[in-house]
Amino acid sequence: MPPRELHVLGIDPGGTTGWAWITVPRTSLFGDEPSQILNWDYDEITGPEVQQVKQIGQLVREIQGLTYKVGPAVVIEGFDNATRVNDPEVFSPVRIAAMLSYAMFRGELGDARLVLQSRGLAKGQMTDERLKRWRLFPHTPEGHAADAMRHALMLLRRAGQSDSFRDSLWDRSALIA
């Protein structure tokens, strides 16, 4: 029997990494049920990059445990800075995304699917005003959880607009009764 719910985990990586977890009905993406958010949570992670990746991996596996054989879609803010910078902190998001990609390759993220998404795409579509109007604006000290929420919501929008993109995030054969 297919799961009733699907999960999305948005990640805004960096010196402080924000995450936002959204749960939606499966049939709102693989059926004709209206879009809705059943549950959501968020937080920020600090510390050495490898420790952050370890914590994210644990969170992904916990979410994986909620839906047998259907891992969360994990969306990470992609690095699209074209300026020349010498500060190594600027490249922290790149390193964290690479480590998460390697963890997925090694099978350490369960059945999760990982995708990078443009920062500009999420920020342009999912503004502070929209998040506040929808009552989905995470309040955290650094504000990175709000950026993670933008990515999670943008991923859901893209999945709702494209069957092929949606099918790249979740195994369709495990979701259709």
N, C-alpha and C. Protein backbone atom coordinates (compact mmCIF):
# COMPACT_ATOMS: atom_id res chain seq x y z
N MET A 1 0.83 -1.17 0.00
CA MET A 1 0.00 0.00 0.00
C MET A 1 0.88 1.25 0.00
N PRO A 2 0.61 2.20 -0.87
CA PRO A 2 1.44 3.40 -0.94
C PRO A 2 1.27 4.27 0.31
N PRO A 3 2.30 5.02 0.66
CA PRO A 3 2.21 5.89 1.82
C PRO A 3 1.19 7.01 1.60
N ARG A 4 0.64 7.50 2.67
CA ARG A 4 -0.33 8.59 2.59
C ARG A 4 0.35 9.95 2.45
N GLU A 5 1.61 10.02 2.88
CA GLU A 5 2.29 11.30 2.94
C GLU A 5 3.64 11.26 2.23
N LEU A 6 4.08 12.43 1.75
CA LEU A 6 5.42 12.61 1.21
C LEU A 6 6.10 13.71 2.00
N HIS A 7 7.42 13.64 2.01
CA HIS A 7 8.19 14.60 2.80
C HIS A 7 9.22 15.31 1.92
N VAL A 8 9.43 16.59 2.24
CA VAL A 8 10.44 17.40 1.59
C VAL A 8 11.30 18.01 2.69
N LEU A 9 12.61 17.97 2.50
CA LEU A 9 13.53 18.59 3.42
C LEU A 9 14.34 19.63 2.66
N GLY A 10 14.12 20.89 2.99
CA GLY A 10 14.89 21.98 2.38
C GLY A 10 16.11 22.27 3.24
N ILE A 11 17.25 22.49 2.56
CA ILE A 11 18.51 22.75 3.25
C ILE A 11 19.13 24.03 2.70
N ASP A 12 19.45 24.96 3.60
CA ASP A 12 20.22 26.16 3.26
C ASP A 12 21.58 26.02 3.95
N PRO A 13 22.58 25.44 3.24
CA PRO A 13 23.84 25.10 3.88
C PRO A 13 24.76 26.29 4.08
N GLY A 14 25.65 26.16 5.05
CA GLY A 14 26.65 27.20 5.29
C GLY A 14 27.22 27.09 6.68
N GLY A 15 27.86 28.17 7.14
CA GLY A 15 28.41 28.21 8.50
C GLY A 15 27.32 27.89 9.51
N THR A 16 26.14 28.43 9.28
CA THR A 16 24.92 28.04 9.97
C THR A 16 24.00 27.47 8.91
N THR A 17 23.57 26.25 9.06
CA THR A 17 22.72 25.58 8.08
C THR A 17 21.28 25.58 8.58
N GLY A 18 20.39 26.09 7.76
CA GLY A 18 18.97 26.04 8.08
C GLY A 18 18.33 24.84 7.41
N TRP A 19 17.32 24.27 8.07
CA TRP A 19 16.56 23.20 7.43
C TRP A 19 15.07 23.42 7.70
N ALA A 20 14.27 22.99 6.74
CA ALA A 20 12.81 23.06 6.86
C ALA A 20 12.24 21.76 6.29
N TRP A 21 11.35 21.15 7.06
CA TRP A 21 10.76 19.86 6.71
C TRP A 21 9.26 20.07 6.52
N ILE A 22 8.77 19.66 5.37
CA ILE A 22 7.35 19.80 5.04
C ILE A 22 6.78 18.42 4.72
N THR A 23 5.58 18.15 5.22
CA THR A 23 4.86 16.91 4.92
C THR A 23 3.58 17.28 4.17
N VAL A 24 3.36 16.60 3.04
CA VAL A 24 2.18 16.85 2.20
C VAL A 24 1.48 15.52 1.90
N PRO A 25 0.19 15.57 1.54
CA PRO A 25 -0.49 14.33 1.13
C PRO A 25 0.09 13.83 -0.19
N ARG A 26 0.34 12.53 -0.27
CA ARG A 26 0.86 11.95 -1.52
C ARG A 26 -0.06 12.27 -2.68
N THR A 27 -1.37 12.21 -2.45
CA THR A 27 -2.31 12.40 -3.56
C THR A 27 -2.42 13.86 -4.03
N SER A 28 -1.77 14.78 -3.32
CA SER A 28 -1.73 16.15 -3.85
C SER A 28 -0.68 16.28 -4.94
N LEU A 29 0.25 15.34 -5.01
CA LEU A 29 1.24 15.33 -6.08
C LEU A 29 1.02 14.16 -7.05
N PHE A 30 0.58 13.03 -6.53
CA PHE A 30 0.32 11.84 -7.35
C PHE A 30 -1.18 11.54 -7.35
N GLY A 31 -1.97 12.51 -7.63
CA GLY A 31 -3.42 12.37 -7.64
C GLY A 31 -4.05 13.74 -7.85
N ASP A 32 -5.29 13.86 -7.44
CA ASP A 32 -5.99 15.12 -7.69
C ASP A 32 -6.44 15.84 -6.42
N GLU A 33 -5.87 15.46 -5.29
CA GLU A 33 -6.21 16.14 -4.04
C GLU A 33 -5.59 17.55 -4.05
N PRO A 34 -6.28 18.53 -3.49
CA PRO A 34 -5.72 19.89 -3.45
C PRO A 34 -4.41 19.94 -2.66
N SER A 35 -3.57 20.89 -3.01
CA SER A 35 -2.31 21.07 -2.30
C SER A 35 -2.58 21.50 -0.87
N GLN A 36 -1.83 20.91 0.04
CA GLN A 36 -1.90 21.35 1.43
C GLN A 36 -0.65 20.88 2.15
N ILE A 37 -0.36 21.56 3.23
CA ILE A 37 0.76 21.19 4.08
C ILE A 37 0.18 20.60 5.35
N LEU A 38 0.52 19.35 5.61
CA LEU A 38 -0.01 18.65 6.78
C LEU A 38 0.78 18.98 8.04
N ASN A 39 2.09 19.16 7.87
CA ASN A 39 2.96 19.40 9.01
C ASN A 39 4.24 20.06 8.51
N TRP A 40 4.88 20.82 9.38
CA TRP A 40 6.18 21.38 9.04
C TRP A 40 6.97 21.67 10.30
N ASP A 41 8.28 21.68 10.13
CA ASP A 41 9.20 21.93 11.23
C ASP A 41 10.46 22.56 10.64
N TYR A 42 11.27 23.13 11.50
CA TYR A 42 12.49 23.80 11.02
C TYR A 42 13.47 23.98 12.18
N ASP A 43 14.71 24.25 11.82
CA ASP A 43 15.73 24.59 12.81
C ASP A 43 16.99 25.01 12.08
N GLU A 44 18.00 25.32 12.84
CA GLU A 44 19.32 25.65 12.31
C GLU A 44 20.37 24.79 13.00
N ILE A 45 21.42 24.48 12.26
CA ILE A 45 22.51 23.64 12.75
C ILE A 45 23.80 24.46 12.63
N THR A 46 24.62 24.41 13.65
CA THR A 46 25.92 25.06 13.59
C THR A 46 27.00 24.04 13.93
N GLY A 47 28.23 24.43 13.73
CA GLY A 47 29.35 23.56 14.06
C GLY A 47 30.16 23.23 12.82
N PRO A 48 31.15 22.36 12.99
CA PRO A 48 31.98 21.95 11.84
C PRO A 48 31.10 21.35 10.73
N GLU A 49 31.50 21.57 9.50
CA GLU A 49 30.71 21.12 8.35
C GLU A 49 30.43 19.62 8.38
N VAL A 50 31.41 18.80 8.73
CA VAL A 50 31.18 17.35 8.75
C VAL A 50 30.15 16.98 9.81
N GLN A 51 30.15 17.69 10.92
CA GLN A 51 29.15 17.44 11.96
C GLN A 51 27.76 17.86 11.48
N GLN A 52 27.69 18.98 10.74
CA GLN A 52 26.42 19.42 10.19
C GLN A 52 25.87 18.37 9.22
N VAL A 53 26.74 17.85 8.37
CA VAL A 53 26.31 16.83 7.40
C VAL A 53 25.84 15.57 8.14
N LYS A 54 26.52 15.21 9.20
CA LYS A 54 26.11 14.05 9.99
C LYS A 54 24.72 14.29 10.59
N GLN A 55 24.46 15.48 11.11
CA GLN A 55 23.15 15.79 11.68
C GLN A 55 22.07 15.80 10.60
N ILE A 56 22.38 16.34 9.44
CA ILE A 56 21.41 16.34 8.34
C ILE A 56 21.11 14.90 7.92
N GLY A 57 22.15 14.08 7.82
CA GLY A 57 21.95 12.67 7.47
C GLY A 57 21.06 11.96 8.48
N GLN A 58 21.24 12.24 9.76
CA GLN A 58 20.38 11.64 10.78
C GLN A 58 18.93 12.10 10.62
N LEU A 59 18.75 13.37 10.33
CA LEU A 59 17.40 13.90 10.12
C LEU A 59 16.75 13.24 8.89
N VAL A 60 17.50 13.10 7.82
CA VAL A 60 16.97 12.44 6.61
C VAL A 60 16.54 11.01 6.93
N ARG A 61 17.35 10.28 7.68
CA ARG A 61 17.01 8.90 8.03
C ARG A 61 15.80 8.84 8.96
N GLU A 62 15.66 9.80 9.86
CA GLU A 62 14.48 9.84 10.72
C GLU A 62 13.22 10.07 9.89
N ILE A 63 13.31 10.99 8.94
CA ILE A 63 12.17 11.25 8.06
C ILE A 63 11.88 10.02 7.21
N GLN A 64 12.93 9.37 6.72
CA GLN A 64 12.79 8.15 5.92
C GLN A 64 12.00 7.11 6.70
N GLY A 65 12.21 7.03 8.00
CA GLY A 65 11.53 6.04 8.82
C GLY A 65 10.02 6.24 8.91
N LEU A 66 9.53 7.41 8.52
CA LEU A 66 8.10 7.69 8.57
C LEU A 66 7.34 7.11 7.38
N THR A 67 8.04 6.86 6.29
CA THR A 67 7.40 6.35 5.07
C THR A 67 8.28 5.26 4.49
N TYR A 68 7.88 4.03 4.69
CA TYR A 68 8.68 2.88 4.28
C TYR A 68 9.01 2.93 2.79
N LYS A 69 10.30 2.84 2.50
CA LYS A 69 10.84 2.79 1.13
C LYS A 69 10.60 4.04 0.29
N VAL A 70 10.14 5.12 0.92
CA VAL A 70 9.95 6.38 0.18
C VAL A 70 10.62 7.49 0.98
N GLY A 71 11.86 7.76 0.61
CA GLY A 71 12.60 8.78 1.33
C GLY A 71 12.13 10.18 0.99
N PRO A 72 12.58 11.13 1.77
CA PRO A 72 12.20 12.51 1.49
C PRO A 72 12.93 13.03 0.25
N ALA A 73 12.31 14.00 -0.39
CA ALA A 73 13.02 14.75 -1.42
C ALA A 73 13.83 15.80 -0.66
N VAL A 74 15.13 15.79 -0.86
CA VAL A 74 16.01 16.74 -0.17
C VAL A 74 16.49 17.76 -1.19
N VAL A 75 16.17 19.02 -0.93
CA VAL A 75 16.56 20.10 -1.83
C VAL A 75 17.56 21.00 -1.12
N ILE A 76 18.69 21.21 -1.77
CA ILE A 76 19.78 22.00 -1.20
C ILE A 76 19.99 23.23 -2.06
N GLU A 77 20.16 24.35 -1.39
CA GLU A 77 20.46 25.57 -2.14
C GLU A 77 21.76 25.38 -2.91
N GLY A 78 21.70 25.59 -4.22
CA GLY A 78 22.88 25.48 -5.06
C GLY A 78 23.73 26.73 -4.94
N PHE A 79 24.98 26.58 -5.24
CA PHE A 79 25.91 27.70 -5.15
C PHE A 79 25.97 28.38 -6.51
N ASP A 80 25.47 29.61 -6.58
CA ASP A 80 25.50 30.32 -7.87
C ASP A 80 26.09 31.71 -7.71
N ASN A 81 27.19 31.77 -6.96
CA ASN A 81 27.91 33.03 -6.77
C ASN A 81 29.02 33.11 -7.81
N ALA A 82 28.97 34.10 -8.67
CA ALA A 82 29.93 34.22 -9.76
C ALA A 82 31.09 35.16 -9.41
N THR A 83 31.12 35.69 -8.20
CA THR A 83 32.18 36.62 -7.83
C THR A 83 33.40 35.86 -7.34
N ARG A 84 34.55 36.53 -7.44
CA ARG A 84 35.79 35.94 -6.95
C ARG A 84 35.93 36.29 -5.48
N VAL A 85 36.07 35.26 -4.68
CA VAL A 85 36.12 35.45 -3.23
C VAL A 85 37.26 34.61 -2.67
N ASN A 86 37.94 35.17 -1.70
CA ASN A 86 39.02 34.43 -1.06
C ASN A 86 38.64 33.89 0.31
N ASP A 87 37.47 34.25 0.82
CA ASP A 87 37.03 33.80 2.13
C ASP A 87 36.53 32.36 2.03
N PRO A 88 37.19 31.40 2.70
CA PRO A 88 36.77 29.99 2.59
C PRO A 88 35.35 29.74 3.11
N GLU A 89 34.85 30.61 4.00
CA GLU A 89 33.49 30.45 4.53
C GLU A 89 32.44 30.53 3.42
N VAL A 90 32.74 31.31 2.39
CA VAL A 90 31.80 31.47 1.27
C VAL A 90 31.54 30.13 0.58
N PHE A 91 32.51 29.24 0.62
CA PHE A 91 32.38 27.96 -0.08
C PHE A 91 31.85 26.85 0.83
N SER A 92 31.50 27.17 2.06
CA SER A 92 30.92 26.19 2.98
C SER A 92 29.69 25.51 2.38
N PRO A 93 28.76 26.26 1.75
CA PRO A 93 27.59 25.59 1.15
C PRO A 93 27.98 24.55 0.09
N VAL A 94 29.01 24.84 -0.67
CA VAL A 94 29.46 23.90 -1.71
C VAL A 94 29.99 22.62 -1.07
N ARG A 95 30.78 22.78 -0.03
CA ARG A 95 31.35 21.61 0.63
C ARG A 95 30.26 20.76 1.29
N ILE A 96 29.30 21.41 1.95
CA ILE A 96 28.22 20.66 2.61
C ILE A 96 27.38 19.93 1.57
N ALA A 97 27.03 20.60 0.47
CA ALA A 97 26.24 19.94 -0.59
C ALA A 97 27.01 18.76 -1.17
N ALA A 98 28.31 18.90 -1.36
CA ALA A 98 29.12 17.80 -1.90
C ALA A 98 29.16 16.62 -0.93
N MET A 99 29.30 16.91 0.36
CA MET A 99 29.33 15.82 1.35
C MET A 99 27.98 15.11 1.41
N LEU A 100 26.89 15.86 1.32
CA LEU A 100 25.57 15.22 1.32
C LEU A 100 25.37 14.37 0.07
N SER A 101 25.86 14.85 -1.06
CA SER A 101 25.76 14.08 -2.30
C SER A 101 26.54 12.77 -2.18
N TYR A 102 27.71 12.84 -1.56
CA TYR A 102 28.52 11.64 -1.36
C TYR A 102 27.84 10.69 -0.38
N ALA A 103 27.24 11.25 0.68
CA ALA A 103 26.52 10.42 1.65
C ALA A 103 25.36 9.69 0.95
N MET A 104 24.67 10.37 0.05
CA MET A 104 23.59 9.71 -0.69
C MET A 104 24.16 8.60 -1.57
N PHE A 105 25.26 8.88 -2.26
CA PHE A 105 25.92 7.89 -3.11
C PHE A 105 26.29 6.64 -2.31
N ARG A 106 26.72 6.83 -1.07
CA ARG A 106 27.12 5.70 -0.22
C ARG A 106 25.93 4.99 0.41
N GLY A 107 24.72 5.49 0.18
CA GLY A 107 23.53 4.85 0.73
C GLY A 107 23.24 5.26 2.16
N GLU A 108 23.86 6.34 2.62
CA GLU A 108 23.71 6.77 4.01
C GLU A 108 22.51 7.69 4.22
N LEU A 109 21.74 7.94 3.17
CA LEU A 109 20.55 8.78 3.28
C LEU A 109 19.29 8.00 2.95
N GLY A 110 19.34 6.69 3.12
CA GLY A 110 18.16 5.87 2.86
C GLY A 110 17.71 5.99 1.42
N ASP A 111 16.41 6.15 1.23
CA ASP A 111 15.84 6.27 -0.11
C ASP A 111 15.65 7.72 -0.53
N ALA A 112 16.30 8.64 0.16
CA ALA A 112 16.16 10.06 -0.17
C ALA A 112 16.71 10.34 -1.56
N ARG A 113 16.10 11.30 -2.22
CA ARG A 113 16.60 11.81 -3.50
C ARG A 113 17.07 13.24 -3.25
N LEU A 114 18.18 13.60 -3.84
CA LEU A 114 18.83 14.88 -3.59
C LEU A 114 18.83 15.72 -4.85
N VAL A 115 18.50 16.99 -4.72
CA VAL A 115 18.52 17.90 -5.86
C VAL A 115 19.03 19.26 -5.41
N LEU A 116 19.82 19.91 -6.26
CA LEU A 116 20.26 21.28 -6.02
C LEU A 116 19.28 22.23 -6.69
N GLN A 117 19.07 23.38 -6.09
CA GLN A 117 18.11 24.34 -6.63
C GLN A 117 18.72 25.74 -6.51
N SER A 118 18.50 26.54 -7.51
CA SER A 118 19.04 27.89 -7.54
C SER A 118 18.51 28.75 -6.40
N ARG A 119 19.41 29.46 -5.77
CA ARG A 119 19.04 30.38 -4.70
C ARG A 119 18.09 31.45 -5.22
N GLY A 120 18.39 31.98 -6.40
CA GLY A 120 17.57 33.04 -6.98
C GLY A 120 16.15 32.58 -7.28
N LEU A 121 16.00 31.34 -7.73
CA LEU A 121 14.68 30.80 -8.03
C LEU A 121 13.80 30.79 -6.78
N ALA A 122 14.34 30.26 -5.70
CA ALA A 122 13.57 30.16 -4.46
C ALA A 122 13.29 31.54 -3.86
N LYS A 123 14.31 32.40 -3.80
CA LYS A 123 14.13 33.73 -3.21
C LYS A 123 13.19 34.60 -4.05
N GLY A 124 13.24 34.42 -5.37
CA GLY A 124 12.39 35.23 -6.24
C GLY A 124 10.92 34.85 -6.15
N GLN A 125 10.63 33.57 -5.95
CA GLN A 125 9.24 33.10 -5.93
C GLN A 125 8.66 33.04 -4.52
N MET A 126 9.44 32.66 -3.57
CA MET A 126 8.96 32.46 -2.19
C MET A 126 9.49 33.59 -1.30
N THR A 127 8.88 34.74 -1.42
CA THR A 127 9.32 35.93 -0.70
C THR A 127 8.94 35.86 0.78
N ASP A 128 9.56 36.72 1.57
CA ASP A 128 9.21 36.81 2.99
C ASP A 128 7.72 37.07 3.16
N GLU A 129 7.19 37.98 2.32
CA GLU A 129 5.77 38.32 2.42
C GLU A 129 4.89 37.10 2.21
N ARG A 130 5.22 36.29 1.21
CA ARG A 130 4.43 35.06 0.95
C ARG A 130 4.53 34.09 2.11
N LEU A 131 5.74 33.87 2.59
CA LEU A 131 5.91 32.93 3.71
C LEU A 131 5.12 33.41 4.92
N LYS A 132 5.14 34.70 5.19
CA LYS A 132 4.39 35.23 6.34
C LYS A 132 2.88 35.12 6.10
N ARG A 133 2.44 35.42 4.90
CA ARG A 133 1.00 35.33 4.59
C ARG A 133 0.52 33.89 4.73
N TRP A 134 1.34 32.95 4.32
CA TRP A 134 0.97 31.53 4.41
C TRP A 134 1.23 30.96 5.81
N ARG A 135 1.78 31.77 6.69
CA ARG A 135 2.14 31.37 8.06
C ARG A 135 3.16 30.23 8.05
N LEU A 136 4.13 30.36 7.16
CA LEU A 136 5.20 29.37 7.03
C LEU A 136 6.58 30.04 7.16
N PHE A 137 6.64 31.14 7.87
CA PHE A 137 7.90 31.86 8.02
C PHE A 137 8.59 31.42 9.30
N PRO A 138 9.68 30.66 9.20
CA PRO A 138 10.40 30.23 10.39
C PRO A 138 11.17 31.40 11.02
N HIS A 139 11.05 31.55 12.30
CA HIS A 139 11.79 32.59 13.01
C HIS A 139 12.95 31.93 13.75
N THR A 140 14.15 32.14 13.22
CA THR A 140 15.37 31.60 13.83
C THR A 140 16.39 32.72 13.92
N PRO A 141 17.38 32.57 14.80
CA PRO A 141 18.35 33.65 15.00
C PRO A 141 19.07 34.10 13.73
N GLU A 142 19.45 33.18 12.88
CA GLU A 142 20.22 33.51 11.68
C GLU A 142 19.35 33.70 10.44
N GLY A 143 18.13 33.21 10.46
CA GLY A 143 17.24 33.34 9.30
C GLY A 143 17.45 32.30 8.21
N HIS A 144 18.33 31.34 8.45
CA HIS A 144 18.60 30.34 7.41
C HIS A 144 17.47 29.33 7.26
N ALA A 145 16.70 29.11 8.30
CA ALA A 145 15.56 28.19 8.19
C ALA A 145 14.51 28.75 7.23
N ALA A 146 14.37 30.07 7.17
CA ALA A 146 13.43 30.67 6.21
C ALA A 146 13.89 30.40 4.78
N ASP A 147 15.20 30.48 4.54
CA ASP A 147 15.71 30.16 3.20
C ASP A 147 15.51 28.69 2.87
N ALA A 148 15.67 27.82 3.86
CA ALA A 148 15.41 26.39 3.64
C ALA A 148 13.94 26.16 3.32
N MET A 149 13.06 26.88 4.00
CA MET A 149 11.61 26.78 3.73
C MET A 149 11.30 27.22 2.29
N ARG A 150 11.94 28.29 1.85
CA ARG A 150 11.74 28.75 0.46
C ARG A 150 12.07 27.62 -0.52
N HIS A 151 13.19 26.94 -0.27
CA HIS A 151 13.61 25.87 -1.18
C HIS A 151 12.63 24.70 -1.15
N ALA A 152 12.16 24.34 0.04
CA ALA A 152 11.21 23.22 0.14
C ALA A 152 9.92 23.56 -0.59
N LEU A 153 9.40 24.76 -0.39
CA LEU A 153 8.16 25.17 -1.06
C LEU A 153 8.33 25.28 -2.57
N MET A 154 9.48 25.81 -3.00
CA MET A 154 9.73 25.93 -4.44
C MET A 154 9.83 24.55 -5.08
N LEU A 155 10.46 23.61 -4.38
CA LEU A 155 10.55 22.25 -4.90
C LEU A 155 9.16 21.65 -5.06
N LEU A 156 8.28 21.87 -4.08
CA LEU A 156 6.91 21.35 -4.18
C LEU A 156 6.18 21.99 -5.35
N ARG A 157 6.37 23.27 -5.56
CA ARG A 157 5.73 23.94 -6.70
C ARG A 157 6.22 23.34 -8.01
N ARG A 158 7.52 23.16 -8.13
CA ARG A 158 8.10 22.59 -9.35
C ARG A 158 7.60 21.16 -9.57
N ALA A 159 7.50 20.38 -8.48
CA ALA A 159 7.01 19.00 -8.58
C ALA A 159 5.56 18.97 -9.04
N GLY A 160 4.76 19.93 -8.59
CA GLY A 160 3.36 20.01 -9.00
C GLY A 160 3.18 20.43 -10.45
N GLN A 161 4.19 21.09 -11.01
CA GLN A 161 4.11 21.58 -12.39
C GLN A 161 4.71 20.62 -13.41
N SER A 162 5.50 19.67 -12.95
CA SER A 162 6.20 18.78 -13.89
C SER A 162 6.19 17.35 -13.38
N ASP A 163 5.49 16.47 -14.07
CA ASP A 163 5.46 15.07 -13.68
C ASP A 163 6.84 14.43 -13.72
N SER A 164 7.65 14.78 -14.72
CA SER A 164 8.97 14.17 -14.82
C SER A 164 9.88 14.63 -13.67
N PHE A 165 9.77 15.90 -13.30
CA PHE A 165 10.56 16.38 -12.15
C PHE A 165 10.07 15.70 -10.87
N ARG A 166 8.77 15.64 -10.69
CA ARG A 166 8.17 14.97 -9.52
C ARG A 166 8.66 13.52 -9.44
N ASP A 167 8.64 12.82 -10.57
CA ASP A 167 9.04 11.41 -10.58
C ASP A 167 10.53 11.23 -10.31
N SER A 168 11.34 12.28 -10.51
CA SER A 168 12.76 12.19 -10.19
C SER A 168 12.99 12.34 -8.68
N LEU A 169 11.98 12.83 -7.96
CA LEU A 169 12.11 13.05 -6.52
C LEU A 169 11.63 11.88 -5.68
N TRP A 170 10.62 11.17 -6.18
CA TRP A 170 10.04 10.03 -5.46
C TRP A 170 9.82 8.90 -6.45
N ASP A 171 10.04 7.68 -6.02
CA ASP A 171 9.87 6.50 -6.85
C ASP A 171 8.39 6.27 -7.11
N ARG A 172 7.94 6.59 -8.32
CA ARG A 172 6.53 6.50 -8.69
C ARG A 172 5.96 5.10 -8.45
N SER A 173 6.77 4.06 -8.71
CA SER A 173 6.26 2.70 -8.55
C SER A 173 5.89 2.38 -7.10
N ALA A 174 6.53 3.06 -6.14
CA ALA A 174 6.19 2.83 -4.74
C ALA A 174 5.02 3.69 -4.27
N LEU A 175 4.53 4.57 -5.15
CA LEU A 175 3.52 5.54 -4.72
C LEU A 175 2.16 5.36 -5.36
N ILE A 176 2.08 4.56 -6.40
CA ILE A 176 0.81 4.37 -7.11
C ILE A 176 0.22 3.02 -6.70
N ALA A 177 -1.01 3.05 -6.23
CA ALA A 177 -1.66 1.80 -5.78
C ALA A 177 -2.09 0.97 -6.97
